[in-house]
Amino acid sequence: MKKLIVMVSVMALLSLSVFAATTIEQINAYNKAHNLPWLAGVNQFYGLSLAQVKKDLGALPPLHKQPYSGNKHFNLFGKGNYVEGWTTDWNTMTSFWTLLKAPADFTPPASFDLRDVNGVSYVTSVRNQDWQGVCWAFSTVGAFESDLLKQQPLNEYPNVDYSATALNLSEQYIAYHNYNYNLILNEYYAGINNFTFQEDHLSYGGAGWYGLYNTMRYGIPTESDFPFVGEGSPNTEGGGQILFDAQNPNWTKDLLFANGEFYIDGYTPWDEYSSYKEFNNSIKYALMKYGALSVDFHVPVEFFSYATGVIVPATPVKYAGWHAVTLVGWIDNYKARNGKTYNVWIVKNSWGKDWGMNGYFLVPMATEQEFESHNIPQWKIDADWLFGVVFSNKANWHVADFNGDGKVNAADFNLLKQALLQTNPSSSTIAKYDISDVKDGELNFDDFVSFMKYWNLANGK
């Protein structure tokens, strides 16, 4: 197991007068002089101090540690029962994460946009976190909604309207299930490796990967059942309580659950992926197969003034804090306004449609040189973990019927066990028994976990 790393970023201690004095004209003049490929513009942040605009961030500094791969919890199958109570720990949580790698034969197109896949959108509308530090909840919901639309588990949720215009799930409920970051820091400084995640429902930031994990534990209700409470509520930046604000007494009947969570390691991709191509392709494969991804990045101060183009900050980069957003696509060889071409990610923000490019922005991908030098700038969204979720149709239990007798039982389990014990399984054996929610081309504990789930589904449990 790798050494535990806790990345506690120091927020950029810029003077408020410097930020306030930097006008749109000054930013654009700097960009022009340095041939940067974007324009600043007037939006809801114009004229505000840095302290004020930072309220629209809310992602906590990243926690980095090797995901835990052993001692899975066999008794935690079934919707909403992954972990009981208000506390979990790092090992329990990350045991439900699966590292995603693109198949070796995957060849991505030059561009892909989940907002328009053959005329169909798999991205819900841009939302507005309304001066609350809960960007991580909006990133969670944005990824969950897109992944649900893309995968469409019809047998699991036959009453869901699988359209981008109709689907609207609750950021408030996700934000309510926050965790105590100070407790984790105290455990780190005390030398405790298995962090405790104790929920405290405070609005001081959070993490999309924790929110997505909770969609397996608690599920997520609809926005109408559990609406977001915005500006003027007790959800105040710096310690206000997130309200438990259910509007429908029967809100639990509408809960939707993810069945698994996967990640792409952007923090140390050189340790997980054989090449830059495999790393980059894995992100693109995830978008095409599963839907949008929850991501975070360290925000340059000028990002608040972004209007259009490919965001590239001034040098040296001055940071304002961490922000969580939703990755929805890419464009290779995008010709920017400065005449240069960039490989860019298309990213959905949660600051309303009046910010940026109708609520979206473009950011350069990590380059092969940055990958090889182990130095991806923190303002790029592929410099940290990227997360998504998977859903399973009940009919999928047939993949665990290895002997083809129409049942999933002990006979199939024995076949899986024999395959797992093989030292060098053949490609055909791997293809048959690699039944994890996110196929990884390996036979491992994830396949056993999936088998137990399918056994329960096949037998009505």
Protein backbone atom coordinates (compact mmCIF):
# COMPACT_ATOMS: atom_id res chain seq x y z
CA MET A 1 0.00 0.00 0.00
CA LYS A 2 1.31 3.40 -0.91
CA LYS A 3 2.20 5.93 1.69
CA LEU A 4 -0.76 8.02 2.74
CA ILE A 5 -0.77 11.47 1.23
CA VAL A 6 -3.09 14.20 2.41
CA MET A 7 -3.04 17.17 0.10
CA VAL A 8 -3.97 20.21 2.16
CA SER A 9 -3.83 23.11 -0.23
CA VAL A 10 -3.20 26.59 1.05
CA MET A 11 -5.75 28.94 -0.42
CA ALA A 12 -4.19 31.75 -2.39
CA LEU A 13 -3.77 34.61 0.05
CA LEU A 14 -4.41 37.37 -2.40
CA SER A 15 -5.34 40.80 -1.16
CA LEU A 16 -8.96 41.71 -1.79
CA SER A 17 -7.85 45.00 -3.28
CA VAL A 18 -5.79 43.25 -5.97
CA PHE A 19 -8.73 41.06 -6.99
CA ALA A 20 -11.25 43.89 -7.00
CA ALA A 21 -8.93 46.14 -8.99
CA THR A 22 -8.41 43.58 -11.75
CA THR A 23 -10.97 44.69 -14.32
CA ILE A 24 -12.29 42.71 -17.25
CA GLU A 25 -10.31 44.99 -19.55
CA GLN A 26 -7.09 44.31 -17.65
CA ILE A 27 -7.57 40.54 -17.80
CA ASN A 28 -8.30 40.63 -21.53
CA ALA A 29 -5.33 42.92 -22.14
CA TYR A 30 -3.08 40.45 -20.29
CA ASN A 31 -4.54 37.52 -22.25
CA LYS A 32 -3.96 39.30 -25.54
CA ALA A 33 -0.41 40.28 -24.63
CA HIS A 34 0.41 36.69 -23.64
CA ASN A 35 -1.59 35.09 -26.47
CA LEU A 36 -3.91 33.21 -24.10
CA PRO A 37 -6.95 31.56 -25.74
CA TRP A 38 -9.86 32.99 -23.73
CA LEU A 39 -11.83 36.12 -22.93
CA ALA A 40 -13.08 37.48 -19.63
CA GLY A 41 -16.55 38.97 -19.32
CA VAL A 42 -19.05 40.51 -16.94
CA ASN A 43 -21.05 38.02 -14.88
CA GLN A 44 -22.47 37.63 -11.36
CA PHE A 45 -18.98 37.89 -9.85
CA TYR A 46 -18.06 41.23 -11.38
CA GLY A 47 -17.08 43.83 -8.78
CA LEU A 48 -17.07 41.42 -5.86
CA SER A 49 -14.18 40.71 -3.54
CA LEU A 50 -12.24 37.47 -3.60
CA ALA A 51 -13.74 36.53 -0.22
CA GLN A 52 -17.23 36.91 -1.70
CA VAL A 53 -16.68 34.99 -4.92
CA LYS A 54 -14.97 32.10 -3.11
CA LYS A 55 -18.38 31.26 -1.63
CA ASP A 56 -19.20 29.65 -4.98
CA LEU A 57 -16.44 27.09 -4.57
CA GLY A 58 -16.79 24.36 -1.94
CA ALA A 59 -14.67 21.37 -2.91
CA LEU A 60 -12.42 20.41 -0.02
CA PRO A 61 -8.69 19.94 -0.69
CA PRO A 62 -8.24 16.43 -2.12
CA LEU A 63 -7.46 13.39 0.00
CA HIS A 64 -5.10 10.99 -1.71
CA LYS A 65 -4.48 7.46 -0.60
CA GLN A 66 -4.33 4.09 -2.31
CA PRO A 67 -7.89 2.69 -2.59
CA TYR A 68 -8.46 -0.28 -0.32
CA SER A 69 -8.84 -3.59 -2.15
CA GLY A 70 -9.41 -6.21 0.53
CA ASN A 71 -12.00 -7.31 3.09
CA LYS A 72 -15.06 -6.42 1.06
CA HIS A 73 -18.28 -6.44 3.05
CA PHE A 74 -20.23 -9.46 1.86
CA ASN A 75 -23.40 -8.61 3.78
CA LEU A 76 -23.86 -5.20 2.17
CA PHE A 77 -25.71 -6.20 -0.98
CA GLY A 78 -29.09 -4.73 -1.81
CA LYS A 79 -30.20 -1.18 -2.48
CA GLY A 80 -29.37 1.31 0.22
CA ASN A 81 -27.67 -1.14 2.58
CA TYR A 82 -23.99 -0.75 1.76
CA VAL A 83 -23.13 0.81 5.11
CA GLU A 84 -25.34 1.38 8.10
CA GLY A 85 -25.35 4.49 10.25
CA TRP A 86 -23.77 7.90 9.87
CA THR A 87 -20.14 6.80 9.91
CA THR A 88 -17.97 4.96 7.43
CA ASP A 89 -14.23 4.71 6.85
CA TRP A 90 -11.75 4.95 4.00
CA ASN A 91 -11.25 1.20 3.64
CA THR A 92 -14.96 0.47 3.51
CA MET A 93 -15.68 3.24 1.03
CA THR A 94 -12.82 2.59 -1.37
CA SER A 95 -13.48 -1.16 -1.37
CA PHE A 96 -16.45 -0.26 -3.58
CA TRP A 97 -14.29 1.69 -6.05
CA THR A 98 -13.08 0.09 -9.27
CA LEU A 99 -10.17 1.46 -11.29
CA LEU A 100 -11.29 1.93 -14.89
CA LYS A 101 -9.03 1.26 -17.85
CA ALA A 102 -10.02 1.54 -21.48
CA PRO A 103 -9.88 -1.67 -23.54
CA ALA A 104 -6.68 -1.96 -25.54
CA ASP A 105 -8.59 -1.80 -28.84
CA PHE A 106 -10.57 1.33 -27.92
CA THR A 107 -10.12 4.13 -30.47
CA PRO A 108 -11.89 7.35 -29.45
CA PRO A 109 -13.34 9.76 -32.00
CA ALA A 110 -11.85 13.22 -32.43
CA SER A 111 -14.69 14.73 -30.42
CA PHE A 112 -17.53 13.60 -28.22
CA ASP A 113 -20.19 15.61 -26.38
CA LEU A 114 -22.75 13.96 -24.11
CA ARG A 115 -25.07 16.90 -24.78
CA ASP A 116 -25.51 15.68 -28.35
CA VAL A 117 -24.98 11.99 -29.09
CA ASN A 118 -26.75 11.36 -32.39
CA GLY A 119 -29.28 14.03 -31.49
CA VAL A 120 -29.85 12.82 -27.91
CA SER A 121 -28.64 14.64 -24.79
CA TYR A 122 -27.36 12.69 -21.80
CA VAL A 123 -26.69 15.83 -19.74
CA THR A 124 -29.26 17.63 -17.62
CA SER A 125 -29.57 21.41 -17.58
CA VAL A 126 -27.03 23.70 -15.96
CA ARG A 127 -27.90 24.38 -12.33
CA ASN A 128 -26.93 27.19 -9.94
CA GLN A 129 -25.49 26.57 -6.47
CA ASP A 130 -26.51 30.12 -5.58
CA TRP A 131 -23.60 31.31 -3.38
CA GLN A 132 -23.52 28.10 -1.39
CA GLY A 133 -20.29 26.11 -0.92
CA VAL A 134 -21.83 22.90 -2.24
CA CYS A 135 -20.32 22.61 -5.71
CA TRP A 136 -19.38 19.03 -4.85
CA ALA A 137 -23.06 18.10 -4.48
CA PHE A 138 -23.85 19.62 -7.88
CA SER A 139 -20.90 17.76 -9.40
CA THR A 140 -22.18 14.53 -7.83
CA VAL A 141 -25.72 14.98 -9.11
CA GLY A 142 -24.57 16.12 -12.55
CA ALA A 143 -22.50 12.95 -13.00
CA PHE A 144 -25.18 10.69 -11.49
CA GLU A 145 -27.93 12.11 -13.71
CA SER A 146 -25.83 11.79 -16.85
CA ASP A 147 -24.71 8.25 -16.00
CA LEU A 148 -28.32 7.25 -15.34
CA LEU A 149 -29.43 8.71 -18.67
CA LYS A 150 -26.58 7.08 -20.57
CA GLN A 151 -26.92 3.63 -19.03
CA GLN A 152 -30.72 3.61 -18.59
CA PRO A 153 -31.30 0.69 -16.20
CA LEU A 154 -34.90 0.27 -17.38
CA ASN A 155 -35.60 -2.92 -15.43
CA GLU A 156 -34.46 -1.25 -12.21
CA TYR A 157 -36.39 2.03 -12.59
CA PRO A 158 -39.17 1.57 -15.15
CA ASN A 159 -40.98 4.75 -14.07
CA VAL A 160 -38.06 7.13 -14.59
CA ASP A 161 -38.39 9.55 -17.51
CA TYR A 162 -35.01 9.07 -19.20
CA SER A 163 -34.79 12.49 -20.80
CA ALA A 164 -32.30 15.24 -20.06
CA THR A 165 -35.07 17.84 -19.84
CA ALA A 166 -37.17 15.88 -17.31
CA LEU A 167 -34.59 14.32 -14.96
CA ASN A 168 -33.85 16.52 -11.93
CA LEU A 169 -32.41 15.02 -8.75
CA SER A 170 -31.64 16.51 -5.35
CA GLU A 171 -28.38 18.36 -4.66
CA GLN A 172 -29.75 19.32 -1.25
CA TYR A 173 -29.96 15.69 -0.13
CA ILE A 174 -26.41 14.95 -1.31
CA ALA A 175 -25.10 18.11 0.40
CA TYR A 176 -26.85 17.14 3.64
CA HIS A 177 -24.74 13.99 3.83
CA ASN A 178 -21.43 15.81 4.20
CA TYR A 179 -18.46 14.61 6.27
CA ASN A 180 -16.30 16.16 8.98
CA TYR A 181 -13.07 17.13 7.23
CA ASN A 182 -11.39 18.31 10.44
CA LEU A 183 -11.81 14.85 11.97
CA ILE A 184 -9.93 13.36 9.00
CA LEU A 185 -7.12 15.90 9.32
CA ASN A 186 -6.80 15.13 13.03
CA GLU A 187 -6.58 11.40 12.26
CA TYR A 188 -3.94 12.05 9.61
CA TYR A 189 -1.76 14.08 11.97
CA ALA A 190 -2.25 11.35 14.60
CA GLY A 191 -0.90 8.75 12.17
CA ILE A 192 -4.24 6.98 11.60
CA ASN A 193 -4.35 5.47 8.11
CA ASN A 194 -7.99 4.43 7.89
CA PHE A 195 -9.86 7.74 7.88
CA THR A 196 -13.20 8.02 9.65
CA PHE A 197 -15.97 9.72 7.70
CA GLN A 198 -18.39 11.09 10.27
CA GLU A 199 -21.28 13.05 8.80
CA ASP A 200 -22.01 16.49 10.21
CA HIS A 201 -24.27 18.17 7.58
CA LEU A 202 -22.23 21.38 7.41
CA SER A 203 -21.85 23.63 4.37
CA TYR A 204 -18.09 24.07 4.34
CA GLY A 205 -17.22 22.00 1.29
CA GLY A 206 -17.14 18.34 0.36
CA ALA A 207 -16.09 15.82 -2.28
CA GLY A 208 -17.89 14.42 -5.32
CA TRP A 209 -16.44 10.95 -4.80
CA TYR A 210 -18.02 10.84 -1.34
CA GLY A 211 -21.33 12.07 -2.74
CA LEU A 212 -21.31 9.34 -5.40
CA TYR A 213 -20.49 6.73 -2.76
CA ASN A 214 -23.53 7.90 -0.82
CA THR A 215 -25.75 7.31 -3.86
CA MET A 216 -25.02 3.63 -3.24
CA ARG A 217 -25.64 3.89 0.52
CA TYR A 218 -28.61 6.25 0.72
CA GLY A 219 -29.71 6.74 -2.87
CA ILE A 220 -30.83 10.11 -4.17
CA PRO A 221 -34.37 11.57 -4.28
CA THR A 222 -35.90 13.89 -6.84
CA GLU A 223 -35.51 17.66 -6.72
CA SER A 224 -39.26 18.12 -6.23
CA ASP A 225 -39.23 15.80 -3.21
CA PHE A 226 -36.10 17.34 -1.70
CA PRO A 227 -35.49 20.81 -3.21
CA PHE A 228 -32.30 22.84 -3.03
CA VAL A 229 -32.32 25.73 -0.55
CA GLY A 230 -30.22 28.58 -1.91
CA GLU A 231 -29.14 32.05 -0.86
CA GLY A 232 -30.57 33.43 2.36
CA SER A 233 -30.96 30.01 3.96
CA PRO A 234 -29.00 28.58 6.91
CA ASN A 235 -26.74 26.98 4.26
CA THR A 236 -24.17 29.69 4.86
CA GLU A 237 -20.56 29.39 3.80
CA GLY A 238 -18.25 28.67 6.70
CA GLY A 239 -20.32 26.43 8.92
CA GLY A 240 -24.06 26.72 8.31
CA GLN A 241 -26.16 23.57 8.62
CA ILE A 242 -27.53 22.00 5.44
CA LEU A 243 -31.28 21.65 5.91
CA PHE A 244 -33.05 18.30 5.83
CA ASP A 245 -35.85 19.77 3.76
CA ALA A 246 -38.08 16.96 2.45
CA GLN A 247 -41.25 18.34 0.84
CA ASN A 248 -42.90 15.01 0.18
CA PRO A 249 -43.63 12.69 3.14
CA ASN A 250 -43.21 9.73 0.78
CA TRP A 251 -39.91 10.93 -0.71
CA THR A 252 -38.13 7.64 -0.03
CA LYS A 253 -40.25 5.83 -2.63
CA ASP A 254 -38.54 7.88 -5.36
CA LEU A 255 -34.96 7.08 -4.32
CA LEU A 256 -32.56 6.06 -7.08
CA PHE A 257 -29.43 4.04 -6.28
CA ALA A 258 -26.13 3.49 -8.06
CA ASN A 259 -24.76 -0.06 -8.01
CA GLY A 260 -21.06 0.71 -8.19
CA GLU A 261 -18.49 3.52 -8.36
CA PHE A 262 -15.44 3.65 -10.61
CA TYR A 263 -12.50 6.04 -10.83
CA ILE A 264 -9.72 7.09 -13.13
CA ASP A 265 -6.54 8.01 -11.31
CA GLY A 266 -5.48 11.46 -12.47
CA TYR A 267 -3.45 12.15 -9.34
CA THR A 268 -0.73 9.56 -10.04
CA PRO A 269 -1.78 8.19 -13.46
CA TRP A 270 1.79 7.10 -14.23
CA ASP A 271 1.45 4.53 -11.43
CA GLU A 272 -1.80 3.05 -12.77
CA TYR A 273 -1.61 3.40 -16.54
CA SER A 274 1.06 2.05 -18.87
CA SER A 275 1.09 5.16 -21.05
CA TYR A 276 -0.41 8.60 -21.52
CA LYS A 277 -2.56 7.15 -24.31
CA GLU A 278 -4.10 4.55 -21.97
CA PHE A 279 -4.76 7.21 -19.33
CA ASN A 280 -6.35 9.68 -21.75
CA ASN A 281 -8.32 6.94 -23.51
CA SER A 282 -9.66 5.69 -20.18
CA ILE A 283 -11.29 9.06 -19.49
CA LYS A 284 -12.78 9.16 -22.98
CA TYR A 285 -13.96 5.54 -22.75
CA ALA A 286 -15.71 6.27 -19.45
CA LEU A 287 -17.54 9.24 -20.97
CA MET A 288 -18.70 7.27 -24.00
CA LYS A 289 -19.74 4.11 -22.15
CA TYR A 290 -21.00 5.31 -18.77
CA GLY A 291 -21.69 9.06 -18.98
CA ALA A 292 -20.37 12.20 -17.29
CA LEU A 293 -17.68 12.25 -14.58
CA SER A 294 -17.40 14.12 -11.30
CA VAL A 295 -14.07 15.99 -11.24
CA ASP A 296 -12.38 18.74 -9.23
CA PHE A 297 -9.56 21.21 -9.80
CA HIS A 298 -7.65 24.02 -8.12
CA VAL A 299 -9.28 27.24 -9.31
CA PRO A 300 -7.17 30.11 -10.73
CA VAL A 301 -8.44 33.49 -9.50
CA GLU A 302 -9.28 34.70 -13.02
CA PHE A 303 -11.60 31.71 -13.57
CA PHE A 304 -14.46 33.68 -11.98
CA SER A 305 -14.26 36.17 -14.90
CA TYR A 306 -14.24 33.50 -17.63
CA ALA A 307 -16.61 34.17 -20.54
CA THR A 308 -15.49 32.08 -23.53
CA GLY A 309 -12.57 30.14 -25.00
CA VAL A 310 -10.02 27.75 -23.52
CA ILE A 311 -9.17 28.73 -19.95
CA VAL A 312 -5.39 29.01 -19.41
CA PRO A 313 -4.40 30.99 -16.31
CA ALA A 314 -1.74 33.66 -16.00
CA THR A 315 1.77 32.68 -14.92
CA PRO A 316 2.53 32.21 -12.07
CA VAL A 317 -0.86 30.70 -11.26
CA LYS A 318 -2.66 32.27 -8.29
CA TYR A 319 -5.25 29.95 -6.78
CA ALA A 320 -8.53 30.79 -5.02
CA GLY A 321 -9.60 27.33 -3.76
CA TRP A 322 -10.96 23.99 -4.95
CA HIS A 323 -14.05 23.50 -7.10
CA ALA A 324 -15.97 20.41 -8.24
CA VAL A 325 -17.57 20.27 -11.69
CA THR A 326 -18.87 17.73 -14.24
CA LEU A 327 -16.93 16.51 -17.28
CA VAL A 328 -19.18 15.85 -20.30
CA GLY A 329 -16.97 15.55 -23.39
CA TRP A 330 -13.89 16.55 -25.36
CA ILE A 331 -12.63 18.07 -28.61
CA ASP A 332 -9.23 17.15 -30.04
CA ASN A 333 -7.35 19.78 -32.06
CA TYR A 334 -9.75 22.55 -31.10
CA LYS A 335 -8.74 25.78 -32.84
CA ALA A 336 -8.84 28.54 -30.24
CA ARG A 337 -9.22 32.27 -30.67
CA ASN A 338 -5.44 32.79 -30.50
CA GLY A 339 -4.93 30.62 -33.60
CA LYS A 340 -3.45 27.69 -31.67
CA THR A 341 -4.98 24.23 -31.40
CA TYR A 342 -5.65 22.51 -28.08
CA ASN A 343 -7.02 19.17 -26.99
CA VAL A 344 -9.78 20.27 -24.61
CA TRP A 345 -12.29 18.88 -22.16
CA ILE A 346 -15.89 20.18 -22.16
CA VAL A 347 -16.96 20.87 -18.58
CA LYS A 348 -20.32 21.70 -16.99
CA ASN A 349 -20.22 24.22 -14.13
CA SER A 350 -22.86 24.94 -11.46
CA TRP A 351 -22.92 28.74 -11.60
CA GLY A 352 -25.96 29.11 -13.85
CA LYS A 353 -26.31 29.58 -17.61
CA ASP A 354 -25.21 33.24 -17.50
CA TRP A 355 -21.67 32.27 -16.54
CA GLY A 356 -19.13 31.18 -19.17
CA MET A 357 -20.31 29.48 -22.36
CA ASN A 358 -23.94 29.00 -21.30
CA GLY A 359 -22.72 27.47 -18.06
CA TYR A 360 -19.84 25.47 -19.58
CA PHE A 361 -16.11 26.00 -20.07
CA LEU A 362 -13.24 24.48 -22.03
CA VAL A 363 -9.96 23.49 -20.39
CA PRO A 364 -6.85 21.90 -21.94
CA MET A 365 -6.24 18.22 -21.35
CA ALA A 366 -3.14 17.09 -19.52
CA THR A 367 -0.40 16.64 -22.12
CA GLU A 368 1.81 13.64 -22.71
CA GLN A 369 4.80 15.69 -21.56
CA GLU A 370 3.06 16.51 -18.27
CA PHE A 371 2.18 12.83 -17.84
CA GLU A 372 5.74 11.67 -18.49
CA SER A 373 7.23 14.34 -16.21
CA HIS A 374 4.75 13.51 -13.41
CA ASN A 375 3.68 17.14 -13.31
CA ILE A 376 0.08 17.84 -14.34
CA PRO A 377 -0.93 21.38 -13.26
CA GLN A 378 -3.61 21.40 -10.57
CA TRP A 379 -5.83 23.77 -12.58
CA LYS A 380 -6.44 21.00 -15.10
CA ILE A 381 -9.39 18.71 -14.36
CA ASP A 382 -7.45 15.51 -15.16
CA ALA A 383 -4.85 16.27 -12.46
CA ASP A 384 -6.94 14.48 -9.85
CA TRP A 385 -9.27 11.48 -9.59
CA LEU A 386 -12.28 11.39 -11.92
CA PHE A 387 -15.39 9.47 -10.80
CA GLY A 388 -18.57 7.96 -12.20
CA VAL A 389 -21.18 5.39 -11.23
CA VAL A 390 -22.71 2.32 -12.84
CA PHE A 391 -26.22 0.90 -12.79
CA SER A 392 -27.35 -2.67 -13.29
CA ASN A 393 -30.50 -3.98 -14.90
CA LYS A 394 -32.04 -6.81 -12.93
CA ALA A 395 -31.93 -8.90 -16.10
CA ASN A 396 -28.13 -8.70 -16.04
CA TRP A 397 -28.01 -11.63 -13.60
CA HIS A 398 -27.72 -13.91 -16.63
CA VAL A 399 -24.03 -12.99 -16.96
CA ALA A 400 -23.41 -15.03 -13.77
CA ASP A 401 -25.17 -18.11 -15.18
CA PHE A 402 -21.87 -19.61 -16.27
CA ASN A 403 -23.17 -23.12 -17.03
CA GLY A 404 -26.21 -21.87 -18.93
CA ASP A 405 -28.87 -23.73 -16.96
CA GLY A 406 -31.02 -20.64 -16.36
CA LYS A 407 -30.02 -20.39 -12.70
CA VAL A 408 -27.34 -18.71 -10.60
CA ASN A 409 -26.37 -21.06 -7.82
CA ALA A 410 -23.52 -22.93 -6.16
CA ALA A 411 -22.55 -24.63 -9.40
CA ASP A 412 -21.85 -21.26 -11.00
CA PHE A 413 -20.00 -20.12 -7.90
CA ASN A 414 -17.69 -23.14 -8.11
CA LEU A 415 -16.93 -22.35 -11.75
CA LEU A 416 -16.07 -18.76 -10.81
CA LYS A 417 -13.90 -19.95 -7.94
CA GLN A 418 -11.94 -22.26 -10.26
CA ALA A 419 -11.39 -19.36 -12.67
CA LEU A 420 -10.25 -17.04 -9.87
CA LEU A 421 -7.70 -19.62 -8.72
CA GLN A 422 -6.06 -19.88 -12.14
CA THR A 423 -2.57 -18.38 -12.27
CA ASN A 424 -2.68 -17.45 -15.95
CA PRO A 425 -6.29 -17.54 -17.14
CA SER A 426 -6.86 -17.50 -20.89
CA SER A 427 -8.45 -14.53 -22.64
CA SER A 428 -11.65 -16.55 -23.13
CA THR A 429 -11.78 -17.36 -19.41
CA ILE A 430 -11.33 -13.69 -18.53
CA ALA A 431 -14.01 -12.68 -21.01
CA LYS A 432 -16.47 -15.12 -19.42
CA TYR A 433 -15.81 -14.52 -15.73
CA ASP A 434 -14.93 -10.80 -15.69
CA ILE A 435 -18.43 -9.76 -14.59
CA SER A 436 -17.62 -6.74 -12.41
CA ASP A 437 -19.82 -3.68 -12.98
CA VAL A 438 -16.83 -1.97 -14.56
CA LYS A 439 -14.97 -4.60 -16.54
CA ASP A 440 -11.24 -4.34 -15.90
CA GLY A 441 -9.93 -7.26 -17.96
CA GLU A 442 -8.91 -9.11 -14.81
CA LEU A 443 -10.29 -11.84 -12.58
CA ASN A 444 -10.29 -10.53 -9.04
CA PHE A 445 -12.38 -9.83 -5.99
CA ASP A 446 -14.63 -7.40 -7.87
CA ASP A 447 -15.98 -10.32 -9.89
CA PHE A 448 -16.87 -12.20 -6.71
CA VAL A 449 -18.67 -9.12 -5.38
CA SER A 450 -20.67 -8.84 -8.61
CA PHE A 451 -21.46 -12.57 -8.54
CA MET A 452 -23.02 -12.25 -5.09
CA LYS A 453 -25.18 -9.36 -6.30
CA TYR A 454 -26.35 -11.30 -9.36
CA TRP A 455 -27.04 -14.37 -7.23
CA ASN A 456 -29.36 -12.25 -5.09
CA LEU A 457 -31.05 -10.74 -8.15
CA ALA A 458 -31.53 -14.12 -9.81
CA ASN A 459 -33.15 -15.53 -6.70
CA GLY A 460 -35.39 -12.57 -5.92
CA LYS A 461 -33.46 -11.23 -2.96
